Amino acid sequence: MVYHRLISAGVKGPAPRDPTARLAADAIGRAGSRRRILPAPFVLEPAIVIRAGTQGMPDFSHLGPDGEARMLDVSAKPVTSRSAAASARVSMRPEVLDALLSRRLKKGDALSTARIAGIQAAKRTSEWIPMCHALPLEHVQIAYARTGPGELLIACSARCTARTGVELEALVGASAAALTVYDMAKSADRAIEIGPVRLESKSGGRSGTFRRSDGPAPQG
């Protein structure tokens, strides 16, 4: 894994070896304490190289031996039933949520539109999450619950029979539905907030079952 630090363009340094490498927050902090960072322009300079499997570091399955990103080979895994559920919270003014739930927004039925967007996005997860496998989804469901005067909880559940899990599909579905709610309601409230977006549960595969203990997502 290659971490980078920011340096001003006027300071001589090696050309970036991997322009797509992640700019770690701690690297930014170190750069700021060691060199004066000008507002613009700046370049990325490799600062730390960490090999996958280095002692004390987690073994990320999407990293190769030299830290390069890779798609995990799942061909040797057994085909099993997989399921996952994720949620996204959307906060807005209570009167705006009232209008949303009663289908009185200027753009129309936000919940139906967001449901379609979430299902459509879940089916296309692998097209924009680079190392995510394309999965034959058998079911995707979007559900809603009002959890506060101005808070809407969106849940996405996904299921398939495959060699890898559907956590990303559930997370993408919940995220897309939340973004669509924002788009449908933004004319009434520009201060709408989205988050957190999180995995609620998963089952199947070698890692078994995971379920959060601080409250279930809405069903149906």
Protein backbone atom coordinates (compact mmCIF):
# COMPACT_ATOMS: atom_id res chain seq x y z
CA MET A 1 0.00 0.00 0.00
CA VAL A 2 1.47 3.37 -1.01
CA TYR A 3 0.68 6.40 1.11
CA HIS A 4 1.38 9.89 -0.23
CA ARG A 5 2.06 13.29 1.23
CA LEU A 6 1.34 16.72 -0.21
CA ILE A 7 4.25 18.93 -1.21
CA SER A 8 4.22 22.25 -3.01
CA ALA A 9 4.86 22.06 -6.74
CA GLY A 10 7.92 24.27 -6.31
CA VAL A 11 9.71 21.68 -4.18
CA LYS A 12 11.68 19.11 -6.12
CA GLY A 13 10.69 15.51 -5.62
CA PRO A 14 10.12 12.25 -7.49
CA ALA A 15 7.16 12.01 -9.86
CA PRO A 16 4.14 10.18 -8.48
CA ARG A 17 4.56 6.45 -8.95
CA ASP A 18 0.92 5.62 -8.43
CA PRO A 19 -1.48 8.53 -9.08
CA THR A 20 -4.46 6.46 -7.92
CA ALA A 21 -3.01 5.58 -4.51
CA ARG A 22 -4.97 6.70 -1.48
CA LEU A 23 -3.98 9.98 0.15
CA ALA A 24 -3.99 8.98 3.81
CA ALA A 25 -5.06 11.52 6.39
CA ASP A 26 -2.06 10.81 8.59
CA ALA A 27 0.26 11.43 5.66
CA ILE A 28 -1.31 14.83 5.17
CA GLY A 29 -0.69 15.60 8.82
CA ARG A 30 2.96 14.62 8.57
CA ALA A 31 3.41 16.67 5.42
CA GLY A 32 1.88 19.72 7.05
CA SER A 33 4.22 19.51 10.02
CA ARG A 34 7.35 19.03 7.93
CA ARG A 35 6.78 21.32 4.97
CA ARG A 36 4.75 24.41 4.27
CA ILE A 37 1.90 23.37 1.98
CA LEU A 38 0.95 26.09 -0.48
CA PRO A 39 -2.74 26.47 -1.42
CA ALA A 40 -2.00 25.48 -5.03
CA PRO A 41 -0.60 23.86 -6.98
CA PHE A 42 0.57 20.66 -5.29
CA VAL A 43 1.79 17.21 -6.28
CA LEU A 44 1.74 13.82 -4.64
CA GLU A 45 5.02 12.39 -3.40
CA PRO A 46 5.29 8.74 -2.26
CA ALA A 47 6.03 8.82 1.46
CA ILE A 48 5.48 5.33 2.86
CA VAL A 49 5.28 1.92 1.26
CA ILE A 50 3.59 -0.81 3.29
CA ARG A 51 3.62 -4.37 2.01
CA ALA A 52 0.41 -6.37 2.25
CA GLY A 53 0.61 -8.67 5.25
CA THR A 54 3.11 -6.45 7.09
CA GLN A 55 3.17 -7.30 10.78
CA GLY A 56 0.59 -5.27 12.64
CA MET A 57 -1.35 -4.44 9.47
CA PRO A 58 -4.64 -6.13 8.48
CA ASP A 59 -4.52 -8.53 5.55
CA PHE A 60 -6.68 -6.79 2.95
CA SER A 61 -7.93 -9.27 0.35
CA HIS A 62 -7.96 -6.66 -2.42
CA LEU A 63 -4.24 -5.90 -2.09
CA GLY A 64 -1.51 -7.85 -3.86
CA PRO A 65 1.87 -8.74 -2.33
CA ASP A 66 3.29 -5.31 -3.23
CA GLY A 67 0.22 -3.35 -2.19
CA GLU A 68 -1.33 -3.00 -5.63
CA ALA A 69 -5.11 -3.15 -5.99
CA ARG A 70 -6.46 -6.40 -7.40
CA MET A 71 -9.71 -8.25 -7.96
CA LEU A 72 -9.96 -11.22 -5.63
CA ASP A 73 -10.17 -14.64 -7.32
CA VAL A 74 -13.25 -16.35 -5.86
CA SER A 75 -13.40 -19.24 -8.33
CA ALA A 76 -12.39 -21.79 -5.67
CA LYS A 77 -15.08 -20.70 -3.21
CA PRO A 78 -18.29 -22.72 -2.92
CA VAL A 79 -21.55 -21.28 -4.21
CA THR A 80 -23.76 -20.53 -1.19
CA SER A 81 -26.80 -18.46 -0.31
CA ARG A 82 -25.83 -14.89 0.58
CA SER A 83 -27.83 -12.04 2.05
CA ALA A 84 -27.12 -8.59 3.44
CA ALA A 85 -28.99 -5.55 4.73
CA ALA A 86 -27.77 -1.95 4.92
CA SER A 87 -29.29 1.32 6.04
CA ALA A 88 -28.98 5.03 5.34
CA ARG A 89 -30.41 7.82 7.46
CA VAL A 90 -31.69 11.04 5.90
CA SER A 91 -32.31 14.07 8.12
CA MET A 92 -34.40 17.10 7.10
CA ARG A 93 -36.85 19.61 8.53
CA PRO A 94 -39.90 17.83 9.99
CA GLU A 95 -42.35 19.68 7.72
CA VAL A 96 -40.36 18.59 4.67
CA LEU A 97 -40.47 14.98 5.78
CA ASP A 98 -44.21 15.37 6.32
CA ALA A 99 -44.57 16.53 2.71
CA LEU A 100 -42.32 13.72 1.46
CA LEU A 101 -44.28 11.00 3.23
CA SER A 102 -47.62 12.42 2.06
CA ARG A 103 -46.36 12.73 -1.54
CA ARG A 104 -46.76 16.52 -1.56
CA LEU A 105 -43.28 17.42 -2.84
CA LYS A 106 -43.05 19.40 -6.07
CA LYS A 107 -41.24 16.54 -7.81
CA GLY A 108 -43.87 14.00 -6.82
CA ASP A 109 -43.59 10.59 -5.16
CA ALA A 110 -40.09 10.61 -3.68
CA LEU A 111 -40.32 7.22 -1.97
CA SER A 112 -41.35 5.31 -5.10
CA THR A 113 -38.67 7.05 -7.14
CA ALA A 114 -36.02 6.34 -4.50
CA ARG A 115 -37.08 2.70 -4.29
CA ILE A 116 -36.57 2.23 -8.03
CA ALA A 117 -33.23 4.05 -7.88
CA GLY A 118 -32.01 1.88 -5.00
CA ILE A 119 -32.94 -1.38 -6.73
CA GLN A 120 -31.43 -0.25 -10.02
CA ALA A 121 -28.20 0.88 -8.35
CA ALA A 122 -27.81 -2.37 -6.38
CA LYS A 123 -28.02 -4.37 -9.63
CA ARG A 124 -25.20 -2.27 -11.13
CA THR A 125 -22.86 -2.11 -8.14
CA SER A 126 -19.92 -3.75 -9.93
CA GLU A 127 -19.94 -1.05 -12.61
CA TRP A 128 -18.65 1.63 -10.24
CA ILE A 129 -17.08 -0.23 -7.32
CA PRO A 130 -13.87 -1.29 -9.12
CA MET A 131 -13.04 -4.60 -7.40
CA CYS A 132 -16.61 -5.68 -6.74
CA HIS A 133 -17.75 -8.86 -8.50
CA ALA A 134 -20.83 -8.81 -10.71
CA LEU A 135 -23.45 -10.86 -8.89
CA PRO A 136 -26.71 -12.45 -10.11
CA LEU A 137 -29.01 -10.78 -7.61
CA GLU A 138 -32.17 -12.73 -6.86
CA HIS A 139 -33.89 -10.11 -4.74
CA VAL A 140 -33.45 -6.46 -3.74
CA GLN A 141 -35.84 -4.62 -1.43
CA ILE A 142 -36.02 -1.02 -0.23
CA ALA A 143 -37.97 -0.19 2.95
CA TYR A 144 -38.60 3.04 4.88
CA ALA A 145 -39.28 4.02 8.48
CA ARG A 146 -39.70 7.40 10.13
CA THR A 147 -37.40 7.25 13.15
CA GLY A 148 -37.73 10.85 14.33
CA PRO A 149 -39.58 14.11 13.58
CA GLY A 150 -37.15 14.87 10.77
CA GLU A 151 -35.38 11.54 10.22
CA LEU A 152 -36.07 8.89 7.59
CA LEU A 153 -34.39 5.49 7.80
CA ILE A 154 -33.89 3.73 4.47
CA ALA A 155 -33.08 0.02 4.45
CA CYS A 156 -31.90 -2.06 1.52
CA SER A 157 -31.74 -5.85 1.62
CA ALA A 158 -30.19 -8.01 -1.10
CA ARG A 159 -29.97 -11.74 -1.70
CA CYS A 160 -28.19 -14.01 -4.16
CA THR A 161 -26.61 -17.43 -4.54
CA ALA A 162 -22.96 -16.89 -5.37
CA ARG A 163 -19.31 -17.25 -4.34
CA THR A 164 -19.06 -13.86 -2.65
CA GLY A 165 -21.25 -11.66 -0.52
CA VAL A 166 -23.79 -8.94 -1.31
CA GLU A 167 -22.80 -6.37 1.33
CA LEU A 168 -21.77 -3.79 -1.27
CA GLU A 169 -25.00 -4.23 -3.20
CA ALA A 170 -27.04 -3.53 -0.07
CA LEU A 171 -24.90 -0.49 0.79
CA VAL A 172 -25.09 0.91 -2.74
CA GLY A 173 -28.85 0.40 -2.85
CA ALA A 174 -29.38 2.25 0.43
CA SER A 175 -27.02 5.05 -0.67
CA ALA A 176 -28.69 5.53 -4.05
CA ALA A 177 -32.13 5.63 -2.47
CA ALA A 178 -30.94 8.24 0.05
CA LEU A 179 -29.40 10.39 -2.68
CA THR A 180 -32.61 10.19 -4.66
CA VAL A 181 -34.59 11.35 -1.64
CA TYR A 182 -32.21 14.30 -1.43
CA ASP A 183 -32.73 15.09 -5.11
CA MET A 184 -36.50 14.90 -4.79
CA ALA A 185 -36.63 17.09 -1.67
CA LYS A 186 -33.71 19.50 -2.06
CA SER A 187 -35.88 22.34 -3.36
CA ALA A 188 -37.71 22.30 -0.03
CA ASP A 189 -34.65 21.90 2.20
CA ARG A 190 -31.08 22.47 1.01
CA ALA A 191 -29.72 21.43 4.42
CA ILE A 192 -30.77 17.77 4.12
CA GLU A 193 -28.12 15.46 5.59
CA ILE A 194 -27.36 11.84 4.70
CA GLY A 195 -25.67 9.48 7.13
CA PRO A 196 -24.63 7.29 8.56
CA VAL A 197 -24.75 4.65 5.84
CA ARG A 198 -23.86 1.28 7.32
CA LEU A 199 -24.12 -2.48 7.03
CA GLU A 200 -26.79 -3.85 9.36
CA SER A 201 -26.40 -7.59 8.78
CA LYS A 202 -25.00 -10.24 6.47
CA SER A 203 -25.16 -14.01 6.25
CA GLY A 204 -23.48 -16.73 4.25
CA GLY A 205 -19.90 -17.41 3.26
CA ARG A 206 -16.82 -18.27 5.26
CA SER A 207 -17.18 -15.36 7.69
CA GLY A 208 -20.68 -16.47 8.68
CA THR A 209 -23.28 -14.15 10.14
CA PHE A 210 -22.92 -10.53 11.23
CA ARG A 211 -25.69 -8.52 12.86
CA ARG A 212 -25.59 -5.17 14.63
CA SER A 213 -26.90 -5.12 18.16
CA ASP A 214 -28.15 -1.51 18.25
CA GLY A 215 -31.45 -1.85 16.43
CA PRO A 216 -32.90 -3.56 13.36
CA ALA A 217 -33.56 -1.90 10.04
CA PRO A 218 -37.17 -1.53 8.84
CA GLN A 219 -38.69 -4.53 7.10
CA GLY A 220 -41.17 -4.59 4.25
